[in-house]
């Protein structure tokens, strides 16, 4: 399953991706879909697994700054919930 972690800026997204990559995660900076851009920033981290671990790592390093979304089978996005973080 694909997840998007919204970021407050391109710099924040790049720092978060670098931290995750150094810890063995496969994450990349992507342009967020227009429908998810609430506060003007159009960048997010994209990852496919280990969401809970990634979120905790970003929280511990004060790099989690936006909402987290899960991509559905139909291509739409919905906000992730607690079961995604386990």
PDB file of N, CA and C in Angstrom:
ATOM      1  N   UNK A   1       0.844  -1.177   0.000  1.00  0.00           N
ATOM      2  CA  UNK A   1       0.000   0.000   0.000  1.00  0.00           C
ATOM      3  C   UNK A   1       0.890   1.241   0.000  1.00  0.00           C
ATOM      4  N   UNK A   2       0.486   2.229  -0.730  1.00  0.00           N
ATOM      5  CA  UNK A   2       1.257   3.467  -0.819  1.00  0.00           C
ATOM      6  C   UNK A   2       0.751   4.469   0.217  1.00  0.00           C
ATOM      7  N   UNK A   3       1.707   5.120   0.878  1.00  0.00           N
ATOM      8  CA  UNK A   3       1.394   6.157   1.852  1.00  0.00           C
ATOM      9  C   UNK A   3       2.072   7.456   1.451  1.00  0.00           C
ATOM     10  N   UNK A   4       1.425   8.569   1.767  1.00  0.00           N
ATOM     11  CA  UNK A   4       2.020   9.886   1.586  1.00  0.00           C
ATOM     12  C   UNK A   4       2.048  10.586   2.932  1.00  0.00           C
ATOM     13  N   UNK A   5       3.209  11.106   3.290  1.00  0.00           N
ATOM     14  CA  UNK A   5       3.359  11.908   4.495  1.00  0.00           C
ATOM     15  C   UNK A   5       3.578  13.336   4.028  1.00  0.00           C
ATOM     16  N   UNK A   6       2.595  14.181   4.268  1.00  0.00           N
ATOM     17  CA  UNK A   6       2.676  15.563   3.814  1.00  0.00           C
ATOM     18  C   UNK A   6       3.752  16.322   4.593  1.00  0.00           C
ATOM     19  N   UNK A   7       4.419  17.239   3.921  1.00  0.00           N
ATOM     20  CA  UNK A   7       5.497  18.014   4.528  1.00  0.00           C
ATOM     21  C   UNK A   7       5.201  19.505   4.395  1.00  0.00           C
ATOM     22  N   UNK A   8       5.761  20.294   5.302  1.00  0.00           N
ATOM     23  CA  UNK A   8       5.477  21.729   5.297  1.00  0.00           C
ATOM     24  C   UNK A   8       6.286  22.485   4.248  1.00  0.00           C
ATOM     25  N   UNK A   9       7.360  21.851   3.746  1.00  0.00           N
ATOM     26  CA  UNK A   9       8.184  22.502   2.724  1.00  0.00           C
ATOM     27  C   UNK A   9       9.009  21.447   1.995  1.00  0.00           C
ATOM     28  N   UNK A  10       9.580  21.838   0.885  1.00  0.00           N
ATOM     29  CA  UNK A  10      10.461  20.940   0.155  1.00  0.00           C
ATOM     30  C   UNK A  10      11.673  20.586   1.011  1.00  0.00           C
ATOM     31  N   UNK A  11      12.215  21.555   1.731  1.00  0.00           N
ATOM     32  CA  UNK A  11      13.378  21.303   2.594  1.00  0.00           C
ATOM     33  C   UNK A  11      13.026  20.284   3.667  1.00  0.00           C
ATOM     34  N   UNK A  12      11.874  20.430   4.290  1.00  0.00           N
ATOM     35  CA  UNK A  12      11.436  19.475   5.310  1.00  0.00           C
ATOM     36  C   UNK A  12      11.304  18.083   4.705  1.00  0.00           C
ATOM     37  N   UNK A  13      10.741  17.973   3.528  1.00  0.00           N
ATOM     38  CA  UNK A  13      10.575  16.681   2.864  1.00  0.00           C
ATOM     39  C   UNK A  13      11.928  16.046   2.561  1.00  0.00           C
ATOM     40  N   UNK A  14      12.869  16.846   2.080  1.00  0.00           N
ATOM     41  CA  UNK A  14      14.202  16.313   1.767  1.00  0.00           C
ATOM     42  C   UNK A  14      14.935  15.834   3.018  1.00  0.00           C
ATOM     43  N   UNK A  15      14.836  16.583   4.104  1.00  0.00           N
ATOM     44  CA  UNK A  15      15.475  16.181   5.370  1.00  0.00           C
ATOM     45  C   UNK A  15      14.858  14.892   5.903  1.00  0.00           C
ATOM     46  N   UNK A  16      13.541  14.809   5.849  1.00  0.00           N
ATOM     47  CA  UNK A  16      12.854  13.616   6.331  1.00  0.00           C
ATOM     48  C   UNK A  16      13.219  12.394   5.485  1.00  0.00           C
ATOM     49  N   UNK A  17      13.268  12.555   4.177  1.00  0.00           N
ATOM     50  CA  UNK A  17      13.621  11.439   3.293  1.00  0.00           C
ATOM     51  C   UNK A  17      15.049  10.970   3.558  1.00  0.00           C
ATOM     52  N   UNK A  18      15.955  11.899   3.758  1.00  0.00           N
ATOM     53  CA  UNK A  18      17.349  11.543   4.037  1.00  0.00           C
ATOM     54  C   UNK A  18      17.451  10.756   5.338  1.00  0.00           C
ATOM     55  N   UNK A  19      16.763  11.211   6.377  1.00  0.00           N
ATOM     56  CA  UNK A  19      16.770  10.500   7.654  1.00  0.00           C
ATOM     57  C   UNK A  19      16.235   9.079   7.481  1.00  0.00           C
ATOM     58  N   UNK A  20      15.113   8.944   6.803  1.00  0.00           N
ATOM     59  CA  UNK A  20      14.529   7.620   6.603  1.00  0.00           C
ATOM     60  C   UNK A  20      15.458   6.720   5.791  1.00  0.00           C
ATOM     61  N   UNK A  21      16.055   7.249   4.740  1.00  0.00           N
ATOM     62  CA  UNK A  21      16.955   6.445   3.909  1.00  0.00           C
ATOM     63  C   UNK A  21      18.169   5.979   4.692  1.00  0.00           C
ATOM     64  N   UNK A  22      18.674   6.831   5.564  1.00  0.00           N
ATOM     65  CA  UNK A  22      19.826   6.449   6.402  1.00  0.00           C
ATOM     66  C   UNK A  22      19.464   5.336   7.378  1.00  0.00           C
ATOM     67  N   UNK A  23      18.191   5.211   7.694  1.00  0.00           N
ATOM     68  CA  UNK A  23      17.730   4.172   8.630  1.00  0.00           C
ATOM     69  C   UNK A  23      17.150   2.962   7.908  1.00  0.00           C
ATOM     70  N   UNK A  24      17.359   2.873   6.621  1.00  0.00           N
ATOM     71  CA  UNK A  24      16.964   1.675   5.879  1.00  0.00           C
ATOM     72  C   UNK A  24      15.581   1.681   5.261  1.00  0.00           C
ATOM     73  N   UNK A  25      14.923   2.819   5.246  1.00  0.00           N
ATOM     74  CA  UNK A  25      13.610   2.925   4.621  1.00  0.00           C
ATOM     75  C   UNK A  25      13.781   3.318   3.157  1.00  0.00           C
ATOM     76  N   UNK A  26      12.829   2.921   2.355  1.00  0.00           N
ATOM     77  CA  UNK A  26      12.791   3.352   0.963  1.00  0.00           C
ATOM     78  C   UNK A  26      11.724   4.440   0.865  1.00  0.00           C
ATOM     79  N   UNK A  27      12.159   5.682   0.869  1.00  0.00           N
ATOM     80  CA  UNK A  27      11.228   6.817   0.823  1.00  0.00           C
ATOM     81  C   UNK A  27      11.718   7.809  -0.222  1.00  0.00           C
ATOM     82  N   UNK A  28      10.778   8.472  -0.864  1.00  0.00           N
ATOM     83  CA  UNK A  28      11.166   9.471  -1.857  1.00  0.00           C
ATOM     84  C   UNK A  28      10.289  10.710  -1.724  1.00  0.00           C
ATOM     85  N   UNK A  29      10.834  11.830  -2.146  1.00  0.00           N
ATOM     86  CA  UNK A  29      10.099  13.096  -2.154  1.00  0.00           C
ATOM     87  C   UNK A  29       9.318  13.162  -3.458  1.00  0.00           C
ATOM     88  N   UNK A  30       8.038  13.462  -3.342  1.00  0.00           N
ATOM     89  CA  UNK A  30       7.167  13.540  -4.523  1.00  0.00           C
ATOM     90  C   UNK A  30       6.302  14.793  -4.453  1.00  0.00           C
ATOM     91  N   UNK A  31       5.813  15.219  -5.590  1.00  0.00           N
ATOM     92  CA  UNK A  31       4.807  16.282  -5.626  1.00  0.00           C
ATOM     93  C   UNK A  31       3.496  15.663  -5.160  1.00  0.00           C
ATOM     94  N   UNK A  32       2.863  16.305  -4.218  1.00  0.00           N
ATOM     95  CA  UNK A  32       1.605  15.796  -3.693  1.00  0.00           C
ATOM     96  C   UNK A  32       0.470  16.087  -4.672  1.00  0.00           C
ATOM     97  N   UNK A  33      -0.534  15.227  -4.703  1.00  0.00           N
ATOM     98  CA  UNK A  33      -1.703  15.507  -5.532  1.00  0.00           C
ATOM     99  C   UNK A  33      -2.347  16.827  -5.110  1.00  0.00           C
ATOM    100  N   UNK A  34      -2.868  17.548  -6.058  1.00  0.00           N
ATOM    101  CA  UNK A  34      -3.479  18.854  -5.797  1.00  0.00           C
ATOM    102  C   UNK A  34      -4.535  18.788  -4.697  1.00  0.00           C
ATOM    103  N   UNK A  35      -5.280  17.723  -4.667  1.00  0.00           N
ATOM    104  CA  UNK A  35      -6.369  17.593  -3.691  1.00  0.00           C
ATOM    105  C   UNK A  35      -5.870  17.500  -2.243  1.00  0.00           C
ATOM    106  N   UNK A  36      -4.604  17.193  -2.035  1.00  0.00           N
ATOM    107  CA  UNK A  36      -4.062  17.048  -0.677  1.00  0.00           C
ATOM    108  C   UNK A  36      -3.280  18.269  -0.213  1.00  0.00           C
ATOM    109  N   UNK A  37      -3.126  19.258  -1.056  1.00  0.00           N
ATOM    110  CA  UNK A  37      -2.340  20.441  -0.714  1.00  0.00           C
ATOM    111  C   UNK A  37      -3.197  21.453   0.039  1.00  0.00           C
ATOM    112  N   UNK A  38      -3.212  21.324   1.357  1.00  0.00           N
ATOM    113  CA  UNK A  38      -4.044  22.209   2.173  1.00  0.00           C
ATOM    114  C   UNK A  38      -3.398  23.556   2.441  1.00  0.00           C
ATOM    115  N   UNK A  39      -2.137  23.551   2.791  1.00  0.00           N
ATOM    116  CA  UNK A  39      -1.491  24.797   3.224  1.00  0.00           C
ATOM    117  C   UNK A  39      -0.496  25.334   2.199  1.00  0.00           C
ATOM    118  N   UNK A  40      -0.639  24.930   0.962  1.00  0.00           N
ATOM    119  CA  UNK A  40       0.200  25.493  -0.069  1.00  0.00           C
ATOM    120  C   UNK A  40       1.414  24.675  -0.450  1.00  0.00           C
ATOM    121  N   UNK A  41       1.937  23.865   0.470  1.00  0.00           N
ATOM    122  CA  UNK A  41       3.110  23.068   0.131  1.00  0.00           C
ATOM    123  C   UNK A  41       2.673  21.857  -0.671  1.00  0.00           C
ATOM    124  N   UNK A  42       3.353  21.625  -1.732  1.00  0.00           N
ATOM    125  CA  UNK A  42       2.972  20.534  -2.604  1.00  0.00           C
ATOM    126  C   UNK A  42       3.904  19.350  -2.560  1.00  0.00           C
ATOM    127  N   UNK A  43       4.600  19.126  -1.440  1.00  0.00           N
ATOM    128  CA  UNK A  43       5.555  18.027  -1.371  1.00  0.00           C
ATOM    129  C   UNK A  43       5.212  17.058  -0.257  1.00  0.00           C
ATOM    130  N   UNK A  44       5.537  15.807  -0.513  1.00  0.00           N
ATOM    131  CA  UNK A  44       5.245  14.752   0.450  1.00  0.00           C
ATOM    132  C   UNK A  44       6.321  13.678   0.341  1.00  0.00           C
ATOM    133  N   UNK A  45       6.360  12.817   1.349  1.00  0.00           N
ATOM    134  CA  UNK A  45       7.198  11.625   1.306  1.00  0.00           C
ATOM    135  C   UNK A  45       6.318  10.472   0.861  1.00  0.00           C
ATOM    136  N   UNK A  46       6.834   9.661  -0.007  1.00  0.00           N
ATOM    137  CA  UNK A  46       6.113   8.486  -0.468  1.00  0.00           C
ATOM    138  C   UNK A  46       6.825   7.244   0.054  1.00  0.00           C
ATOM    139  N   UNK A  47       6.055   6.342   0.685  1.00  0.00           N
ATOM    140  CA  UNK A  47       6.617   5.064   1.097  1.00  0.00           C
ATOM    141  C   UNK A  47       5.538   4.003   1.036  1.00  0.00           C
ATOM    142  N   UNK A  48       5.982   2.754   1.015  1.00  0.00           N
ATOM    143  CA  UNK A  48       5.061   1.643   0.793  1.00  0.00           C
ATOM    144  C   UNK A  48       4.907   0.712   1.984  1.00  0.00           C
ATOM    145  N   UNK A  49       5.808   0.732   2.915  1.00  0.00           N
ATOM    146  CA  UNK A  49       5.716  -0.169   4.063  1.00  0.00           C
ATOM    147  C   UNK A  49       6.395   0.439   5.270  1.00  0.00           C
ATOM    148  N   UNK A  50       6.196  -0.205   6.415  1.00  0.00           N
ATOM    149  CA  UNK A  50       6.809   0.207   7.676  1.00  0.00           C
ATOM    150  C   UNK A  50       6.409   1.629   8.070  1.00  0.00           C
ATOM    151  N   UNK A  51       5.145   1.966   7.805  1.00  0.00           N
ATOM    152  CA  UNK A  51       4.668   3.318   8.082  1.00  0.00           C
ATOM    153  C   UNK A  51       4.802   3.680   9.552  1.00  0.00           C
ATOM    154  N   UNK A  52       4.395   2.792  10.436  1.00  0.00           N
ATOM    155  CA  UNK A  52       4.455   3.083  11.867  1.00  0.00           C
ATOM    156  C   UNK A  52       5.861   3.409  12.334  1.00  0.00           C
ATOM    157  N   UNK A  53       6.824   2.614  11.902  1.00  0.00           N
ATOM    158  CA  UNK A  53       8.226   2.872  12.258  1.00  0.00           C
ATOM    159  C   UNK A  53       8.701   4.210  11.712  1.00  0.00           C
ATOM    160  N   UNK A  54       8.344   4.495  10.472  1.00  0.00           N
ATOM    161  CA  UNK A  54       8.759   5.748   9.843  1.00  0.00           C
ATOM    162  C   UNK A  54       8.174   6.949  10.580  1.00  0.00           C
ATOM    163  N   UNK A  55       6.903   6.863  10.943  1.00  0.00           N
ATOM    164  CA  UNK A  55       6.241   7.964  11.644  1.00  0.00           C
ATOM    165  C   UNK A  55       6.901   8.207  12.998  1.00  0.00           C
ATOM    166  N   UNK A  56       7.176   7.137  13.738  1.00  0.00           N
ATOM    167  CA  UNK A  56       7.831   7.304  15.048  1.00  0.00           C
ATOM    168  C   UNK A  56       9.209   7.940  14.905  1.00  0.00           C
ATOM    169  N   UNK A  57       9.965   7.517  13.901  1.00  0.00           N
ATOM    170  CA  UNK A  57      11.293   8.088  13.668  1.00  0.00           C
ATOM    171  C   UNK A  57      11.188   9.577  13.331  1.00  0.00           C
ATOM    172  N   UNK A  58      10.264   9.928  12.465  1.00  0.00           N
ATOM    173  CA  UNK A  58      10.079  11.336  12.100  1.00  0.00           C
ATOM    174  C   UNK A  58       9.607  12.162  13.293  1.00  0.00           C
ATOM    175  N   UNK A  59       8.710  11.605  14.104  1.00  0.00           N
ATOM    176  CA  UNK A  59       8.242  12.311  15.305  1.00  0.00           C
ATOM    177  C   UNK A  59       9.395  12.557  16.273  1.00  0.00           C
ATOM    178  N   UNK A  60      10.205  11.545  16.496  1.00  0.00           N
ATOM    179  CA  UNK A  60      11.332  11.665  17.426  1.00  0.00           C
ATOM    180  C   UNK A  60      12.348  12.706  16.977  1.00  0.00           C
ATOM    181  N   UNK A  61      12.398  12.963  15.677  1.00  0.00           N
ATOM    182  CA  UNK A  61      13.348  13.937  15.127  1.00  0.00           C
ATOM    183  C   UNK A  61      12.659  15.231  14.707  1.00  0.00           C
ATOM    184  N   UNK A  62      11.433  15.410  15.139  1.00  0.00           N
ATOM    185  CA  UNK A  62      10.640  16.623  14.864  1.00  0.00           C
ATOM    186  C   UNK A  62      10.536  16.953  13.376  1.00  0.00           C
ATOM    187  N   UNK A  63      10.389  15.910  12.578  1.00  0.00           N
ATOM    188  CA  UNK A  63      10.264  16.098  11.134  1.00  0.00           C
ATOM    189  C   UNK A  63       8.886  15.705  10.602  1.00  0.00           C
ATOM    190  N   UNK A  64       7.994  15.283  11.481  1.00  0.00           N
ATOM    191  CA  UNK A  64       6.643  14.964  11.051  1.00  0.00           C
ATOM    192  C   UNK A  64       5.812  16.240  11.174  1.00  0.00           C
ATOM    193  N   UNK A  65       5.475  16.833  10.036  1.00  0.00           N
ATOM    194  CA  UNK A  65       4.827  18.146  10.053  1.00  0.00           C
ATOM    195  C   UNK A  65       3.465  18.179   9.368  1.00  0.00           C
ATOM    196  N   UNK A  66       3.055  17.075   8.782  1.00  0.00           N
ATOM    197  CA  UNK A  66       1.789  17.093   8.052  1.00  0.00           C
ATOM    198  C   UNK A  66       0.986  15.831   8.250  1.00  0.00           C
ATOM    199  N   UNK A  67      -0.133  15.783   7.586  1.00  0.00           N
ATOM    200  CA  UNK A  67      -1.030  14.632   7.667  1.00  0.00           C
ATOM    201  C   UNK A  67      -0.453  13.454   6.889  1.00  0.00           C
ATOM    202  N   UNK A  68      -0.996  12.283   7.176  1.00  0.00           N
ATOM    203  CA  UNK A  68      -0.565  11.050   6.522  1.00  0.00           C
ATOM    204  C   UNK A  68      -1.764  10.480   5.782  1.00  0.00           C
ATOM    205  N   UNK A  69      -1.550  10.099   4.528  1.00  0.00           N
ATOM    206  CA  UNK A  69      -2.625   9.572   3.706  1.00  0.00           C
ATOM    207  C   UNK A  69      -2.280   8.192   3.170  1.00  0.00           C
ATOM    208  N   UNK A  70      -3.326   7.397   2.976  1.00  0.00           N
ATOM    209  CA  UNK A  70      -3.214   6.060   2.407  1.00  0.00           C
ATOM    210  C   UNK A  70      -3.894   6.101   1.036  1.00  0.00           C
ATOM    211  N   UNK A  71      -3.245   5.512   0.042  1.00  0.00           N
ATOM    212  CA  UNK A  71      -3.831   5.478  -1.297  1.00  0.00           C
ATOM    213  C   UNK A  71      -4.704   4.238  -1.437  1.00  0.00           C
ATOM    214  N   UNK A  72      -5.924   4.436  -1.853  1.00  0.00           N
ATOM    215  CA  UNK A  72      -6.856   3.329  -2.066  1.00  0.00           C
ATOM    216  C   UNK A  72      -6.617   2.653  -3.402  1.00  0.00           C
ATOM    217  N   UNK A  73      -7.270   1.527  -3.579  1.00  0.00           N
ATOM    218  CA  UNK A  73      -7.133   0.767  -4.824  1.00  0.00           C
ATOM    219  C   UNK A  73      -7.623   1.551  -6.031  1.00  0.00           C
ATOM    220  N   UNK A  74      -8.549   2.474  -5.814  1.00  0.00           N
ATOM    221  CA  UNK A  74      -9.084   3.268  -6.916  1.00  0.00           C
ATOM    222  C   UNK A  74      -8.244   4.519  -7.206  1.00  0.00           C
ATOM    223  N   UNK A  75      -7.126   4.688  -6.468  1.00  0.00           N
ATOM    224  CA  UNK A  75      -6.249   5.836  -6.688  1.00  0.00           C
ATOM    225  C   UNK A  75      -6.568   7.045  -5.832  1.00  0.00           C
ATOM    226  N   UNK A  76      -7.649   6.979  -5.061  1.00  0.00           N
ATOM    227  CA  UNK A  76      -7.995   8.097  -4.191  1.00  0.00           C
ATOM    228  C   UNK A  76      -7.199   8.005  -2.887  1.00  0.00           C
ATOM    229  N   UNK A  77      -7.115   9.123  -2.190  1.00  0.00           N
ATOM    230  CA  UNK A  77      -6.382   9.160  -0.925  1.00  0.00           C
ATOM    231  C   UNK A  77      -7.339   9.439   0.221  1.00  0.00           C
ATOM    232  N   UNK A  78      -7.084   8.767   1.346  1.00  0.00           N
ATOM    233  CA  UNK A  78      -7.824   9.039   2.572  1.00  0.00           C
ATOM    234  C   UNK A  78      -6.819   9.109   3.709  1.00  0.00           C
ATOM    235  N   UNK A  79      -7.171   9.880   4.725  1.00  0.00           N
ATOM    236  CA  UNK A  79      -6.257  10.049   5.846  1.00  0.00           C
ATOM    237  C   UNK A  79      -6.041   8.700   6.528  1.00  0.00           C
ATOM    238  N   UNK A  80      -4.789   8.414   6.843  1.00  0.00           N
ATOM    239  CA  UNK A  80      -4.439   7.156   7.515  1.00  0.00           C
ATOM    240  C   UNK A  80      -4.981   7.162   8.938  1.00  0.00           C
ATOM    241  N   UNK A  81      -5.226   5.968   9.460  1.00  0.00           N
ATOM    242  CA  UNK A  81      -5.714   5.866  10.832  1.00  0.00           C
ATOM    243  C   UNK A  81      -4.786   4.962  11.637  1.00  0.00           C
ATOM    244  N   UNK A  82      -5.169   4.668  12.863  1.00  0.00           N
ATOM    245  CA  UNK A  82      -4.315   3.938  13.798  1.00  0.00           C
ATOM    246  C   UNK A  82      -3.893   2.568  13.260  1.00  0.00           C
ATOM    247  N   UNK A  83      -4.750   1.889  12.519  1.00  0.00           N
ATOM    248  CA  UNK A  83      -4.374   0.549  12.031  1.00  0.00           C
ATOM    249  C   UNK A  83      -3.241   0.620  11.015  1.00  0.00           C
ATOM    250  N   UNK A  84      -3.088   1.753  10.333  1.00  0.00           N
ATOM    251  CA  UNK A  84      -1.980   1.917   9.392  1.00  0.00           C
ATOM    252  C   UNK A  84      -0.651   2.070  10.114  1.00  0.00           C
ATOM    253  N   UNK A  85      -0.698   2.534  11.352  1.00  0.00           N
ATOM    254  CA  UNK A  85       0.528   2.813  12.101  1.00  0.00           C
ATOM    255  C   UNK A  85       1.014   1.627  12.907  1.00  0.00           C
ATOM    256  N   UNK A  86       0.274   0.546  12.949  1.00  0.00           N
ATOM    257  CA  UNK A  86       0.683  -0.604  13.754  1.00  0.00           C
ATOM    258  C   UNK A  86       1.720  -1.451  13.060  1.00  0.00           C
TER     259      UNK A  86
END
